[in-house]
Amino acid sequence: MDRLAELGAGTAAYSQPAQPEASGSSESFMSDFFSEVGIVKAKMSKIRTNINLIEQKHSQAITAISAGKSGDDSHDLEKLMDEVQQNSVEIRTKLKQMDKDNKQYLQTGDASSSESRIRINMHGTLTRKFVDLMSNYQEVQTKYKNKYKERVERQYKIVNPSASADEVERALENPNNIFADQIKSAGHAAAKNALADIQEKHQDILRLEASINELYQLFADMAVLVETQGELLNSIEYNVQQASAYTAKGVTELQKAKEYQKKARKKKCCLLLILVIVLVVVVALVLGPLLGLKII
């Protein structure tokens, strides 16, 4: 069973979708968003710390001489890996919910607003950092999986120095059956210790392989989110361009209106001047004879 999916089912209700409203809730909605961002960052920091501890424990388990010490390291590793798994599932759940909320926000709010760009860009940044973090974790797991296999090969050579590559590979796949007859016939302490070590490291390899397979599923989910991120950014860019076009058109219309206003004012002044001149002429024609003035 995919432990990533199993843990995901247990955290499906971890984050409830925020519902943006038409008025008075934008600040609250952004506040809720940044609260979720803070939680994701804290969990990523915890994963980063655990990855460093896992690498240390792997190194100790590889070089451990006694089976007891190696077993303690394996137990600590399993606990740390479970914590990484739990936190990664919760982060994935939150990132998916944030993506869903962002799409809803674009549908119900202003798709060209600064809030939209902030939400989309922040979600994209978190997603990329999370993918980088888990890629680092995958590299650590893969590196030590190979180291465990190398140790199993060395231990097998202790019991069977002339073993072929195929025999070593079969020992890696199922150490119990391969070693059963040899332990009975050999009976010496070195062979028994080698078998115990191989059995233990075989379990470590199986855990690492399961962890790596779960990471593949996580990366597939993150790839979908990254693709969606690009679509949302394109949508925002389109709306910003549309808003800019409308703004530019409005500025052009305003300039035209100002020109029309200037021309109208000039015409009004000309008409007023003509009216004044006509009025002066009429007054002169009427009052001139009465006052004994000679009007030419």
C-alpha atoms as a PDB file:
ATOM      1  CA  MET A   1       0.000   0.000   0.000  1.00  0.00           C
ATOM      2  CA  ASP A   2       1.186   3.497  -0.799  1.00  0.00           C
ATOM      3  CA  ARG A   3       1.884   5.000   2.643  1.00  0.00           C
ATOM      4  CA  LEU A   4       1.775   8.446   1.087  1.00  0.00           C
ATOM      5  CA  ALA A   5      -1.823   7.883  -0.007  1.00  0.00           C
ATOM      6  CA  GLU A   6      -2.669   6.265   3.326  1.00  0.00           C
ATOM      7  CA  LEU A   7      -1.392   9.243   5.291  1.00  0.00           C
ATOM      8  CA  GLY A   8      -3.037  11.576   2.806  1.00  0.00           C
ATOM      9  CA  ALA A   9      -6.438  10.005   3.587  1.00  0.00           C
ATOM     10  CA  GLY A  10      -5.871  10.731   7.266  1.00  0.00           C
ATOM     11  CA  THR A  11      -5.120  14.373   6.616  1.00  0.00           C
ATOM     12  CA  ALA A  12      -7.728  15.107   3.956  1.00  0.00           C
ATOM     13  CA  ALA A  13      -9.611  17.383   6.316  1.00  0.00           C
ATOM     14  CA  TYR A  14      -6.460  19.013   7.679  1.00  0.00           C
ATOM     15  CA  SER A  15      -7.133  22.307   5.903  1.00  0.00           C
ATOM     16  CA  GLN A  16     -10.600  23.611   5.180  1.00  0.00           C
ATOM     17  CA  PRO A  17     -11.077  25.865   2.125  1.00  0.00           C
ATOM     18  CA  ALA A  18     -11.305  29.537   2.873  1.00  0.00           C
ATOM     19  CA  GLN A  19     -14.265  31.263   1.285  1.00  0.00           C
ATOM     20  CA  PRO A  20     -13.583  34.741  -0.117  1.00  0.00           C
ATOM     21  CA  GLU A  21     -16.521  37.148   0.175  1.00  0.00           C
ATOM     22  CA  ALA A  22     -17.395  40.130  -1.901  1.00  0.00           C
ATOM     23  CA  SER A  23     -16.753  42.844   0.680  1.00  0.00           C
ATOM     24  CA  GLY A  24     -14.888  43.358   3.923  1.00  0.00           C
ATOM     25  CA  SER A  25     -13.200  39.930   3.873  1.00  0.00           C
ATOM     26  CA  SER A  26     -10.195  40.455   1.567  1.00  0.00           C
ATOM     27  CA  GLU A  27      -7.833  41.300   4.431  1.00  0.00           C
ATOM     28  CA  SER A  28      -9.102  38.348   6.475  1.00  0.00           C
ATOM     29  CA  PHE A  29      -8.760  36.020   3.500  1.00  0.00           C
ATOM     30  CA  MET A  30      -5.160  37.141   2.891  1.00  0.00           C
ATOM     31  CA  SER A  31      -4.429  36.812   6.618  1.00  0.00           C
ATOM     32  CA  ASP A  32      -5.691  33.209   6.561  1.00  0.00           C
ATOM     33  CA  PHE A  33      -3.569  32.573   3.477  1.00  0.00           C
ATOM     34  CA  PHE A  34      -0.371  33.843   5.111  1.00  0.00           C
ATOM     35  CA  SER A  35      -1.182  31.808   8.215  1.00  0.00           C
ATOM     36  CA  GLU A  36      -1.224  28.682   6.024  1.00  0.00           C
ATOM     37  CA  VAL A  37       2.027  29.801   4.403  1.00  0.00           C
ATOM     38  CA  GLY A  38       3.619  30.035   7.843  1.00  0.00           C
ATOM     39  CA  ILE A  39       2.499  26.507   8.722  1.00  0.00           C
ATOM     40  CA  VAL A  40       3.918  25.108   5.472  1.00  0.00           C
ATOM     41  CA  LYS A  41       7.249  26.865   6.041  1.00  0.00           C
ATOM     42  CA  ALA A  42       7.463  25.502   9.600  1.00  0.00           C
ATOM     43  CA  LYS A  43       6.818  21.940   8.412  1.00  0.00           C
ATOM     44  CA  MET A  44       9.401  22.322   5.642  1.00  0.00           C
ATOM     45  CA  SER A  45      11.922  23.478   8.236  1.00  0.00           C
ATOM     46  CA  LYS A  46      11.140  20.382  10.323  1.00  0.00           C
ATOM     47  CA  ILE A  47      11.647  18.136   7.287  1.00  0.00           C
ATOM     48  CA  ARG A  48      14.965  19.847   6.533  1.00  0.00           C
ATOM     49  CA  THR A  49      16.156  19.187  10.092  1.00  0.00           C
ATOM     50  CA  ASN A  50      15.045  15.550   9.921  1.00  0.00           C
ATOM     51  CA  ILE A  51      16.812  15.005   6.603  1.00  0.00           C
ATOM     52  CA  ASN A  52      20.082  16.097   8.203  1.00  0.00           C
ATOM     53  CA  LEU A  53      19.457  13.740  11.133  1.00  0.00           C
ATOM     54  CA  ILE A  54      18.533  10.900   8.757  1.00  0.00           C
ATOM     55  CA  GLU A  55      21.796  11.335   6.881  1.00  0.00           C
ATOM     56  CA  GLN A  56      23.714  11.195  10.173  1.00  0.00           C
ATOM     57  CA  LYS A  57      21.847   8.068  11.298  1.00  0.00           C
ATOM     58  CA  HIS A  58      22.411   6.388   7.937  1.00  0.00           C
ATOM     59  CA  SER A  59      26.123   7.058   8.237  1.00  0.00           C
ATOM     60  CA  GLN A  60      26.186   5.609  11.759  1.00  0.00           C
ATOM     61  CA  ALA A  61      24.188   2.531  10.710  1.00  0.00           C
ATOM     62  CA  ILE A  62      26.526   1.865   7.791  1.00  0.00           C
ATOM     63  CA  THR A  63      29.629   1.961   9.982  1.00  0.00           C
ATOM     64  CA  ALA A  64      28.102   0.287  13.072  1.00  0.00           C
ATOM     65  CA  ILE A  65      30.098  -2.731  14.246  1.00  0.00           C
ATOM     66  CA  SER A  66      27.583  -4.366  16.567  1.00  0.00           C
ATOM     67  CA  ALA A  67      24.139  -5.517  15.473  1.00  0.00           C
ATOM     68  CA  GLY A  68      22.608  -3.869  18.554  1.00  0.00           C
ATOM     69  CA  LYS A  69      23.987  -0.433  17.728  1.00  0.00           C
ATOM     70  CA  SER A  70      22.944  -0.810  14.102  1.00  0.00           C
ATOM     71  CA  GLY A  71      19.470  -1.844  15.248  1.00  0.00           C
ATOM     72  CA  ASP A  72      19.149   1.283  17.404  1.00  0.00           C
ATOM     73  CA  ASP A  73      20.132   3.453  14.454  1.00  0.00           C
ATOM     74  CA  SER A  74      17.596   1.672  12.237  1.00  0.00           C
ATOM     75  CA  HIS A  75      14.870   2.285  14.821  1.00  0.00           C
ATOM     76  CA  ASP A  76      15.753   5.985  15.002  1.00  0.00           C
ATOM     77  CA  LEU A  77      15.816   6.143  11.206  1.00  0.00           C
ATOM     78  CA  GLU A  78      12.374   4.629  10.901  1.00  0.00           C
ATOM     79  CA  LYS A  79      10.982   7.176  13.349  1.00  0.00           C
ATOM     80  CA  LEU A  80      12.602  10.112  11.521  1.00  0.00           C
ATOM     81  CA  MET A  81      11.442   8.831   8.136  1.00  0.00           C
ATOM     82  CA  ASP A  82       7.886   8.497   9.430  1.00  0.00           C
ATOM     83  CA  GLU A  83       8.009  12.121  10.609  1.00  0.00           C
ATOM     84  CA  VAL A  84       9.249  13.281   7.209  1.00  0.00           C
ATOM     85  CA  GLN A  85       6.494  11.270   5.554  1.00  0.00           C
ATOM     86  CA  GLN A  86       3.803  12.719   7.821  1.00  0.00           C
ATOM     87  CA  ASN A  87       4.958  16.313   7.335  1.00  0.00           C
ATOM     88  CA  SER A  88       5.358  15.891   3.575  1.00  0.00           C
ATOM     89  CA  VAL A  89       1.791  14.582   3.270  1.00  0.00           C
ATOM     90  CA  GLU A  90       0.442  17.481   5.318  1.00  0.00           C
ATOM     91  CA  ILE A  91       2.383  19.976   3.189  1.00  0.00           C
ATOM     92  CA  ARG A  92       1.138  18.354  -0.008  1.00  0.00           C
ATOM     93  CA  THR A  93      -2.438  18.524   1.314  1.00  0.00           C
ATOM     94  CA  LYS A  94      -2.068  22.194   2.193  1.00  0.00           C
ATOM     95  CA  LEU A  95      -0.495  23.108  -1.131  1.00  0.00           C
ATOM     96  CA  LYS A  96      -3.342  21.389  -2.965  1.00  0.00           C
ATOM     97  CA  GLN A  97      -5.901  23.251  -0.858  1.00  0.00           C
ATOM     98  CA  MET A  98      -4.112  26.569  -1.437  1.00  0.00           C
ATOM     99  CA  ASP A  99      -4.171  25.876  -5.169  1.00  0.00           C
ATOM    100  CA  LYS A 100      -7.913  25.164  -4.982  1.00  0.00           C
ATOM    101  CA  ASP A 101      -8.521  28.358  -2.964  1.00  0.00           C
ATOM    102  CA  ASN A 102      -6.481  30.399  -5.446  1.00  0.00           C
ATOM    103  CA  LYS A 103      -8.570  29.160  -8.367  1.00  0.00           C
ATOM    104  CA  GLN A 104     -11.756  30.003  -6.488  1.00  0.00           C
ATOM    105  CA  TYR A 105     -10.367  33.426  -5.586  1.00  0.00           C
ATOM    106  CA  LEU A 106      -9.651  34.150  -9.247  1.00  0.00           C
ATOM    107  CA  GLN A 107     -13.232  33.231 -10.160  1.00  0.00           C
ATOM    108  CA  THR A 108     -14.920  35.279  -7.436  1.00  0.00           C
ATOM    109  CA  GLY A 109     -12.521  38.224  -7.067  1.00  0.00           C
ATOM    110  CA  ASP A 110     -10.437  40.550  -9.197  1.00  0.00           C
ATOM    111  CA  ALA A 111      -8.142  38.301 -11.200  1.00  0.00           C
ATOM    112  CA  SER A 112      -5.771  41.205 -11.925  1.00  0.00           C
ATOM    113  CA  SER A 113      -5.500  42.383  -8.302  1.00  0.00           C
ATOM    114  CA  SER A 114      -2.258  42.491  -6.349  1.00  0.00           C
ATOM    115  CA  GLU A 115      -3.736  39.945  -3.907  1.00  0.00           C
ATOM    116  CA  SER A 116      -4.145  37.441  -6.746  1.00  0.00           C
ATOM    117  CA  ARG A 117      -0.550  37.849  -7.873  1.00  0.00           C
ATOM    118  CA  ILE A 118       0.748  37.598  -4.299  1.00  0.00           C
ATOM    119  CA  ARG A 119      -1.194  34.384  -3.644  1.00  0.00           C
ATOM    120  CA  ILE A 120      -0.187  32.711  -6.907  1.00  0.00           C
ATOM    121  CA  ASN A 121       3.478  33.698  -6.650  1.00  0.00           C
ATOM    122  CA  MET A 122       3.750  32.662  -3.000  1.00  0.00           C
ATOM    123  CA  HIS A 123       2.100  29.304  -3.693  1.00  0.00           C
ATOM    124  CA  GLY A 124       4.461  28.743  -6.622  1.00  0.00           C
ATOM    125  CA  THR A 125       7.497  29.598  -4.492  1.00  0.00           C
ATOM    126  CA  LEU A 126       6.407  27.204  -1.728  1.00  0.00           C
ATOM    127  CA  THR A 127       5.744  24.433  -4.236  1.00  0.00           C
ATOM    128  CA  ARG A 128       9.162  24.779  -5.872  1.00  0.00           C
ATOM    129  CA  LYS A 129      10.965  24.892  -2.513  1.00  0.00           C
ATOM    130  CA  PHE A 130       9.065  21.819  -1.337  1.00  0.00           C
ATOM    131  CA  VAL A 131       9.963  19.906  -4.496  1.00  0.00           C
ATOM    132  CA  ASP A 132      13.629  20.897  -4.088  1.00  0.00           C
ATOM    133  CA  LEU A 133      13.557  19.815  -0.445  1.00  0.00           C
ATOM    134  CA  MET A 134      12.047  16.419  -1.199  1.00  0.00           C
ATOM    135  CA  SER A 135      14.447  15.956  -4.133  1.00  0.00           C
ATOM    136  CA  ASN A 136      17.281  16.398  -1.669  1.00  0.00           C
ATOM    137  CA  TYR A 137      15.635  13.810   0.579  1.00  0.00           C
ATOM    138  CA  GLN A 138      15.335  11.401  -2.348  1.00  0.00           C
ATOM    139  CA  GLU A 139      19.035  11.845  -3.137  1.00  0.00           C
ATOM    140  CA  VAL A 140      19.958  11.025   0.465  1.00  0.00           C
ATOM    141  CA  GLN A 141      17.743   7.921   0.498  1.00  0.00           C
ATOM    142  CA  THR A 142      19.055   6.687  -2.842  1.00  0.00           C
ATOM    143  CA  LYS A 143      22.688   7.261  -1.842  1.00  0.00           C
ATOM    144  CA  TYR A 144      22.370   5.256   1.345  1.00  0.00           C
ATOM    145  CA  LYS A 145      20.323   2.551  -0.277  1.00  0.00           C
ATOM    146  CA  ASN A 146      23.332   1.943  -2.528  1.00  0.00           C
ATOM    147  CA  LYS A 147      25.674   2.051   0.454  1.00  0.00           C
ATOM    148  CA  TYR A 148      23.589  -0.551   2.280  1.00  0.00           C
ATOM    149  CA  LYS A 149      23.766  -2.791  -0.778  1.00  0.00           C
ATOM    150  CA  GLU A 150      27.539  -2.402  -0.877  1.00  0.00           C
ATOM    151  CA  ARG A 151      27.754  -3.454   2.764  1.00  0.00           C
ATOM    152  CA  VAL A 152      25.556  -6.502   2.125  1.00  0.00           C
ATOM    153  CA  GLU A 153      27.853  -7.480  -0.741  1.00  0.00           C
ATOM    154  CA  ARG A 154      30.911  -7.210   1.521  1.00  0.00           C
ATOM    155  CA  GLN A 155      29.234  -9.274   4.236  1.00  0.00           C
ATOM    156  CA  TYR A 156      28.247 -11.944   1.732  1.00  0.00           C
ATOM    157  CA  LYS A 157      31.845 -12.169   0.549  1.00  0.00           C
ATOM    158  CA  ILE A 158      32.865 -12.989   4.126  1.00  0.00           C
ATOM    159  CA  VAL A 159      30.866 -16.204   3.961  1.00  0.00           C
ATOM    160  CA  ASN A 160      31.349 -16.938   0.270  1.00  0.00           C
ATOM    161  CA  PRO A 161      34.458 -15.199  -1.130  1.00  0.00           C
ATOM    162  CA  SER A 162      34.011 -16.818  -4.546  1.00  0.00           C
ATOM    163  CA  ALA A 163      30.384 -15.696  -4.953  1.00  0.00           C
ATOM    164  CA  SER A 164      29.382 -14.507  -8.400  1.00  0.00           C
ATOM    165  CA  ALA A 165      27.543 -11.277  -9.094  1.00  0.00           C
ATOM    166  CA  ASP A 166      24.294 -13.247  -9.604  1.00  0.00           C
ATOM    167  CA  GLU A 167      24.655 -14.923  -6.222  1.00  0.00           C
ATOM    168  CA  VAL A 168      25.235 -11.579  -4.542  1.00  0.00           C
ATOM    169  CA  GLU A 169      22.141 -10.177  -6.260  1.00  0.00           C
ATOM    170  CA  ARG A 170      20.047 -13.130  -5.042  1.00  0.00           C
ATOM    171  CA  ALA A 171      21.380 -12.561  -1.549  1.00  0.00           C
ATOM    172  CA  LEU A 172      20.228  -8.950  -1.742  1.00  0.00           C
ATOM    173  CA  GLU A 173      16.744 -10.045  -2.819  1.00  0.00           C
ATOM    174  CA  ASN A 174      16.282 -12.825  -0.266  1.00  0.00           C
ATOM    175  CA  PRO A 175      19.173 -13.247   2.184  1.00  0.00           C
ATOM    176  CA  ASN A 176      17.428 -15.832   4.418  1.00  0.00           C
ATOM    177  CA  ASN A 177      17.180 -18.595   1.816  1.00  0.00           C
ATOM    178  CA  ILE A 178      20.630 -17.992   0.374  1.00  0.00           C
ATOM    179  CA  PHE A 179      22.356 -18.143   3.733  1.00  0.00           C
ATOM    180  CA  ALA A 180      20.416 -20.935   5.449  1.00  0.00           C
ATOM    181  CA  ASP A 181      22.484 -23.845   4.125  1.00  0.00           C
ATOM    182  CA  GLN A 182      25.775 -21.987   4.413  1.00  0.00           C
ATOM    183  CA  ILE A 183      25.164 -21.080   8.052  1.00  0.00           C
ATOM    184  CA  LYS A 184      24.377 -24.696   8.925  1.00  0.00           C
ATOM    185  CA  SER A 185      27.517 -25.951   7.232  1.00  0.00           C
ATOM    186  CA  ALA A 186      29.826 -23.146   8.305  1.00  0.00           C
ATOM    187  CA  GLY A 187      28.634 -22.633  11.841  1.00  0.00           C
ATOM    188  CA  HIS A 188      31.323 -20.056  12.649  1.00  0.00           C
ATOM    189  CA  ALA A 189      30.700 -16.718  14.319  1.00  0.00           C
ATOM    190  CA  ALA A 190      31.761 -14.608  11.338  1.00  0.00           C
ATOM    191  CA  ALA A 191      29.166 -16.244   9.092  1.00  0.00           C
ATOM    192  CA  LYS A 192      26.398 -15.874  11.658  1.00  0.00           C
ATOM    193  CA  ASN A 193      27.266 -12.243  12.281  1.00  0.00           C
ATOM    194  CA  ALA A 194      27.340 -11.638   8.538  1.00  0.00           C
ATOM    195  CA  LEU A 195      23.884 -13.188   8.163  1.00  0.00           C
ATOM    196  CA  ALA A 196      22.450 -11.082  11.002  1.00  0.00           C
ATOM    197  CA  ASP A 197      23.917  -7.947   9.465  1.00  0.00           C
ATOM    198  CA  ILE A 198      22.644  -8.797   5.985  1.00  0.00           C
ATOM    199  CA  GLN A 199      19.138  -9.512   7.291  1.00  0.00           C
ATOM    200  CA  GLU A 200      19.085  -6.199   9.120  1.00  0.00           C
ATOM    201  CA  LYS A 201      20.444  -4.213   6.200  1.00  0.00           C
ATOM    202  CA  HIS A 202      18.002  -5.973   3.891  1.00  0.00           C
ATOM    203  CA  GLN A 203      15.128  -4.533   5.958  1.00  0.00           C
ATOM    204  CA  ASP A 204      16.762  -1.101   5.766  1.00  0.00           C
ATOM    205  CA  ILE A 205      16.975  -1.412   1.989  1.00  0.00           C
ATOM    206  CA  LEU A 206      13.297  -2.380   1.773  1.00  0.00           C
ATOM    207  CA  ARG A 207      12.326   0.658   3.863  1.00  0.00           C
ATOM    208  CA  LEU A 208      14.415   2.934   1.665  1.00  0.00           C
ATOM    209  CA  GLU A 209      12.893   1.497  -1.508  1.00  0.00           C
ATOM    210  CA  ALA A 210       9.395   2.070  -0.103  1.00  0.00           C
ATOM    211  CA  SER A 211      10.339   5.632   0.830  1.00  0.00           C
ATOM    212  CA  ILE A 212      11.720   6.331  -2.648  1.00  0.00           C
ATOM    213  CA  ASN A 213       8.597   4.901  -4.321  1.00  0.00           C
ATOM    214  CA  GLU A 214       6.396   7.163  -2.181  1.00  0.00           C
ATOM    215  CA  LEU A 215       8.515  10.133  -3.222  1.00  0.00           C
ATOM    216  CA  TYR A 216       7.833   9.304  -6.885  1.00  0.00           C
ATOM    217  CA  GLN A 217       4.098   9.638  -6.188  1.00  0.00           C
ATOM    218  CA  LEU A 218       4.647  12.916  -4.366  1.00  0.00           C
ATOM    219  CA  PHE A 219       6.649  14.324  -7.294  1.00  0.00           C
ATOM    220  CA  ALA A 220       3.851  13.336  -9.680  1.00  0.00           C
ATOM    221  CA  ASP A 221       1.361  15.307  -7.587  1.00  0.00           C
ATOM    222  CA  MET A 222       3.700  18.287  -7.382  1.00  0.00           C
ATOM    223  CA  ALA A 223       4.163  18.240 -11.164  1.00  0.00           C
ATOM    224  CA  VAL A 224       0.401  18.723 -11.550  1.00  0.00           C
ATOM    225  CA  LEU A 225       0.504  21.653  -9.114  1.00  0.00           C
ATOM    226  CA  VAL A 226       3.401  23.279 -10.972  1.00  0.00           C
ATOM    227  CA  GLU A 227       1.512  22.929 -14.261  1.00  0.00           C
ATOM    228  CA  THR A 228      -1.591  24.471 -12.683  1.00  0.00           C
ATOM    229  CA  GLN A 229       0.600  27.252 -11.315  1.00  0.00           C
ATOM    230  CA  GLY A 230       1.630  28.176 -14.848  1.00  0.00           C
ATOM    231  CA  GLU A 231      -1.994  28.242 -16.008  1.00  0.00           C
ATOM    232  CA  LEU A 232      -2.999  30.533 -13.131  1.00  0.00           C
ATOM    233  CA  LEU A 233      -0.096  32.880 -13.841  1.00  0.00           C
ATOM    234  CA  ASN A 234      -1.105  33.028 -17.508  1.00  0.00           C
ATOM    235  CA  SER A 235      -4.674  33.827 -16.448  1.00  0.00           C
ATOM    236  CA  ILE A 236      -3.492  36.634 -14.185  1.00  0.00           C
ATOM    237  CA  GLU A 237      -1.191  37.983 -16.902  1.00  0.00           C
ATOM    238  CA  TYR A 238      -4.097  38.013 -19.355  1.00  0.00           C
ATOM    239  CA  ASN A 239      -6.320  39.890 -16.904  1.00  0.00           C
ATOM    240  CA  VAL A 240      -3.550  42.372 -16.138  1.00  0.00           C
ATOM    241  CA  GLN A 241      -3.074  42.977 -19.857  1.00  0.00           C
ATOM    242  CA  GLN A 242      -6.807  43.437 -20.297  1.00  0.00           C
ATOM    243  CA  ALA A 243      -6.932  45.883 -17.393  1.00  0.00           C
ATOM    244  CA  SER A 244      -3.956  47.768 -18.844  1.00  0.00           C
ATOM    245  CA  ALA A 245      -5.656  47.920 -22.228  1.00  0.00           C
ATOM    246  CA  TYR A 246      -8.842  49.273 -20.667  1.00  0.00           C
ATOM    247  CA  THR A 247      -6.805  51.812 -18.696  1.00  0.00           C
ATOM    248  CA  ALA A 248      -4.939  52.942 -21.803  1.00  0.00           C
ATOM    249  CA  LYS A 249      -8.210  53.255 -23.700  1.00  0.00           C
ATOM    250  CA  GLY A 250      -9.665  55.286 -20.842  1.00  0.00           C
ATOM    251  CA  VAL A 251      -6.668  57.624 -20.860  1.00  0.00           C
ATOM    252  CA  THR A 252      -7.060  58.108 -24.629  1.00  0.00           C
ATOM    253  CA  GLU A 253     -10.752  58.884 -24.274  1.00  0.00           C
ATOM    254  CA  LEU A 254     -10.003  61.331 -21.459  1.00  0.00           C
ATOM    255  CA  GLN A 255      -7.451  63.123 -23.609  1.00  0.00           C
ATOM    256  CA  LYS A 256      -9.985  63.380 -26.431  1.00  0.00           C
ATOM    257  CA  ALA A 257     -12.539  64.770 -24.013  1.00  0.00           C
ATOM    258  CA  LYS A 258     -10.066  67.397 -22.848  1.00  0.00           C
ATOM    259  CA  GLU A 259      -9.388  68.418 -26.468  1.00  0.00           C
ATOM    260  CA  TYR A 260     -13.121  68.677 -27.181  1.00  0.00           C
ATOM    261  CA  GLN A 261     -13.503  70.782 -24.045  1.00  0.00           C
ATOM    262  CA  LYS A 262     -10.743  73.154 -25.148  1.00  0.00           C
ATOM    263  CA  LYS A 263     -12.273  73.562 -28.622  1.00  0.00           C
ATOM    264  CA  ALA A 264     -15.705  74.168 -27.129  1.00  0.00           C
ATOM    265  CA  ARG A 265     -14.283  76.809 -24.809  1.00  0.00           C
ATOM    266  CA  LYS A 266     -12.606  78.579 -27.753  1.00  0.00           C
ATOM    267  CA  LYS A 267     -15.848  78.546 -29.744  1.00  0.00           C
ATOM    268  CA  LYS A 268     -17.718  79.912 -26.769  1.00  0.00           C
ATOM    269  CA  CYS A 269     -15.236  82.761 -26.397  1.00  0.00           C
ATOM    270  CA  CYS A 270     -15.467  83.588 -30.118  1.00  0.00           C
ATOM    271  CA  LEU A 271     -19.250  83.602 -30.008  1.00  0.00           C
ATOM    272  CA  LEU A 272     -19.225  85.811 -26.912  1.00  0.00           C
ATOM    273  CA  LEU A 273     -16.823  88.267 -28.587  1.00  0.00           C
ATOM    274  CA  ILE A 274     -18.983  88.436 -31.708  1.00  0.00           C
ATOM    275  CA  LEU A 275     -22.058  88.980 -29.541  1.00  0.00           C
ATOM    276  CA  VAL A 276     -20.349  91.845 -27.736  1.00  0.00           C
ATOM    277  CA  ILE A 277     -19.303  93.474 -31.018  1.00  0.00           C
ATOM    278  CA  VAL A 278     -22.816  93.171 -32.438  1.00  0.00           C
ATOM    279  CA  LEU A 279     -24.259  94.581 -29.252  1.00  0.00           C
ATOM    280  CA  VAL A 280     -21.880  97.579 -29.364  1.00  0.00           C
ATOM    281  CA  VAL A 281     -22.783  98.260 -32.989  1.00  0.00           C
ATOM    282  CA  VAL A 282     -26.517  98.057 -32.259  1.00  0.00           C
ATOM    283  CA  VAL A 283     -26.206 100.384 -29.294  1.00  0.00           C
ATOM    284  CA  ALA A 284     -24.187 102.832 -31.338  1.00  0.00           C
ATOM    285  CA  LEU A 285     -26.749 102.819 -34.143  1.00  0.00           C
ATOM    286  CA  VAL A 286     -29.628 103.367 -31.757  1.00  0.00           C
ATOM    287  CA  LEU A 287     -28.137 105.890 -29.383  1.00  0.00           C
ATOM    288  CA  GLY A 288     -25.922 107.755 -31.859  1.00  0.00           C
ATOM    289  CA  PRO A 289     -28.679 109.865 -33.490  1.00  0.00           C
ATOM    290  CA  LEU A 290     -30.269 110.596 -30.133  1.00  0.00           C
ATOM    291  CA  LEU A 291     -27.008 111.945 -28.823  1.00  0.00           C
ATOM    292  CA  GLY A 292     -26.245 113.891 -31.987  1.00  0.00           C
ATOM    293  CA  LEU A 293     -23.451 111.576 -32.929  1.00  0.00           C
ATOM    294  CA  LYS A 294     -22.695 110.958 -36.539  1.00  0.00           C
ATOM    295  CA  ILE A 295     -22.387 107.286 -37.297  1.00  0.00           C
ATOM    296  CA  ILE A 296     -20.552 106.442 -40.450  1.00  0.00           C
END
